[in-house]
C-alpha atoms as a PDB file:
ATOM      1  CA  UNK A   1      -0.001   0.001  -0.001  1.00  0.00           C
ATOM      2  CA  UNK A   2       2.837   2.388   0.829  1.00  0.00           C
ATOM      3  CA  UNK A   3       4.429   1.868  -2.609  1.00  0.00           C
ATOM      4  CA  UNK A   4       1.109   2.715  -4.230  1.00  0.00           C
ATOM      5  CA  UNK A   5       0.747   5.897  -2.152  1.00  0.00           C
ATOM      6  CA  UNK A   6       4.271   7.017  -3.060  1.00  0.00           C
ATOM      7  CA  UNK A   7       3.767   6.327  -6.757  1.00  0.00           C
ATOM      8  CA  UNK A   8       0.516   8.253  -6.981  1.00  0.00           C
ATOM      9  CA  UNK A   9       1.926  11.017  -4.770  1.00  0.00           C
ATOM     10  CA  UNK A  10       4.652  11.543  -7.356  1.00  0.00           C
ATOM     11  CA  UNK A  11       2.017  11.705 -10.060  1.00  0.00           C
ATOM     12  CA  UNK A  12      -0.001  14.279  -8.134  1.00  0.00           C
ATOM     13  CA  UNK A  13       3.083  16.413  -7.612  1.00  0.00           C
ATOM     14  CA  UNK A  14       3.631  16.905 -11.337  1.00  0.00           C
ATOM     15  CA  UNK A  15       0.097  18.136 -11.993  1.00  0.00           C
ATOM     16  CA  UNK A  16       1.051  21.620 -10.787  1.00  0.00           C
ATOM     17  CA  UNK A  17       0.926  24.903 -12.626  1.00  0.00           C
ATOM     18  CA  UNK A  18       2.496  25.351 -16.029  1.00  0.00           C
ATOM     19  CA  UNK A  19       3.326  28.660 -17.627  1.00  0.00           C
ATOM     20  CA  UNK A  20       5.784  28.573 -20.506  1.00  0.00           C
ATOM     21  CA  UNK A  21       6.064  26.090 -23.357  1.00  0.00           C
ATOM     22  CA  UNK A  22       9.263  24.791 -21.763  1.00  0.00           C
ATOM     23  CA  UNK A  23       7.505  24.248 -18.429  1.00  0.00           C
ATOM     24  CA  UNK A  24       4.672  22.479 -20.231  1.00  0.00           C
ATOM     25  CA  UNK A  25       7.175  20.208 -22.024  1.00  0.00           C
ATOM     26  CA  UNK A  26       9.007  19.386 -18.797  1.00  0.00           C
ATOM     27  CA  UNK A  27       5.708  18.797 -17.020  1.00  0.00           C
ATOM     28  CA  UNK A  28       4.509  16.478 -19.779  1.00  0.00           C
ATOM     29  CA  UNK A  29       7.678  14.388 -19.499  1.00  0.00           C
ATOM     30  CA  UNK A  30       7.379  14.302 -15.719  1.00  0.00           C
ATOM     31  CA  UNK A  31       3.764  13.153 -15.987  1.00  0.00           C
ATOM     32  CA  UNK A  32       4.761  10.335 -18.330  1.00  0.00           C
ATOM     33  CA  UNK A  33       7.472   9.182 -15.919  1.00  0.00           C
ATOM     34  CA  UNK A  34       5.143   9.443 -12.939  1.00  0.00           C
ATOM     35  CA  UNK A  35       2.453   7.427 -14.730  1.00  0.00           C
ATOM     36  CA  UNK A  36       4.932   4.645 -15.425  1.00  0.00           C
ATOM     37  CA  UNK A  37       5.861   4.640 -11.736  1.00  0.00           C
ATOM     38  CA  UNK A  38       2.231   4.806 -10.632  1.00  0.00           C
ATOM     39  CA  UNK A  39       1.255   1.629 -12.463  1.00  0.00           C
ATOM     40  CA  UNK A  40       4.187  -0.390 -11.110  1.00  0.00           C
ATOM     41  CA  UNK A  41       2.690  -1.371  -7.713  1.00  0.00           C
ATOM     42  CA  UNK A  42      -0.708  -2.483  -9.098  1.00  0.00           C
ATOM     43  CA  UNK A  43       1.051  -4.309 -11.941  1.00  0.00           C
ATOM     44  CA  UNK A  44       3.229  -6.162  -9.418  1.00  0.00           C
ATOM     45  CA  UNK A  45       0.148  -7.177  -7.439  1.00  0.00           C
ATOM     46  CA  UNK A  46      -1.590  -8.361 -10.616  1.00  0.00           C
ATOM     47  CA  UNK A  47       1.449 -10.429 -11.536  1.00  0.00           C
ATOM     48  CA  UNK A  48       1.482 -12.061  -8.109  1.00  0.00           C
ATOM     49  CA  UNK A  49      -2.246 -12.785  -8.370  1.00  0.00           C
ATOM     50  CA  UNK A  50      -1.775 -14.310 -11.794  1.00  0.00           C
ATOM     51  CA  UNK A  51       0.967 -16.597 -10.510  1.00  0.00           C
ATOM     52  CA  UNK A  52      -1.149 -17.532  -7.485  1.00  0.00           C
ATOM     53  CA  UNK A  53      -4.023 -18.466  -9.793  1.00  0.00           C
ATOM     54  CA  UNK A  54      -1.660 -20.678 -11.824  1.00  0.00           C
ATOM     55  CA  UNK A  55      -0.488 -22.438  -8.656  1.00  0.00           C
ATOM     56  CA  UNK A  56      -4.049 -22.850  -7.410  1.00  0.00           C
ATOM     57  CA  UNK A  57      -5.068 -24.401 -10.730  1.00  0.00           C
ATOM     58  CA  UNK A  58      -2.312 -26.999 -10.345  1.00  0.00           C
ATOM     59  CA  UNK A  59      -3.338 -28.059  -6.836  1.00  0.00           C
ATOM     60  CA  UNK A  60      -6.104 -30.489  -7.806  1.00  0.00           C
ATOM     61  CA  UNK A  61      -3.714 -32.216 -10.224  1.00  0.00           C
ATOM     62  CA  UNK A  62      -0.972 -32.597  -7.623  1.00  0.00           C
ATOM     63  CA  UNK A  63      -3.227 -33.759  -4.827  1.00  0.00           C
END
């Protein structure tokens, strides 16, 4: 949960004000980076759940 809070906190931080074209460009790049970071914790959880489902599906076969 803490990783998720940190990732989305970073995303929220880049949604600040923008004035010049340069600031807008920098902000856009920062948003892209923050979005990549923000999806990492949920993606890791989904990967673990997927693996757990694979293991659970094997249980009846392995007794």
